[in-house]
């Protein structure tokens, strides 16, 4: 072989090596980009799930507060009705007593 032949072979080898290196780098970059995209998507999904969970918790809290308010309101109405009944009974008893006294 001549010196020229060796030089050409070396240049071809270097060129091939450079192309392989570029190809490998490009594949690595694609893989990295795909992983980044996957993480981004996963993060987005986690955020959506978290928002949904937070909204459900909020609805649950509001529902419980509403139930509590309704129960208190109901209890207040019941107490009011009881007081009213007691007064009515008391008033009726007084009337009956007076009527009895009057009839004697």
Foldseek 3Di string as FASTA:
>chain_A
DDPVVVVVVVVVVVVVVVVVVVVVVVVVVVVVVVVVVVVVVVVVVVVVVVVVVVVVVVVVVVVVVVVVVVVVVVVVVVVVVVVVVVVVVVVVVVVVVVVVVVVD
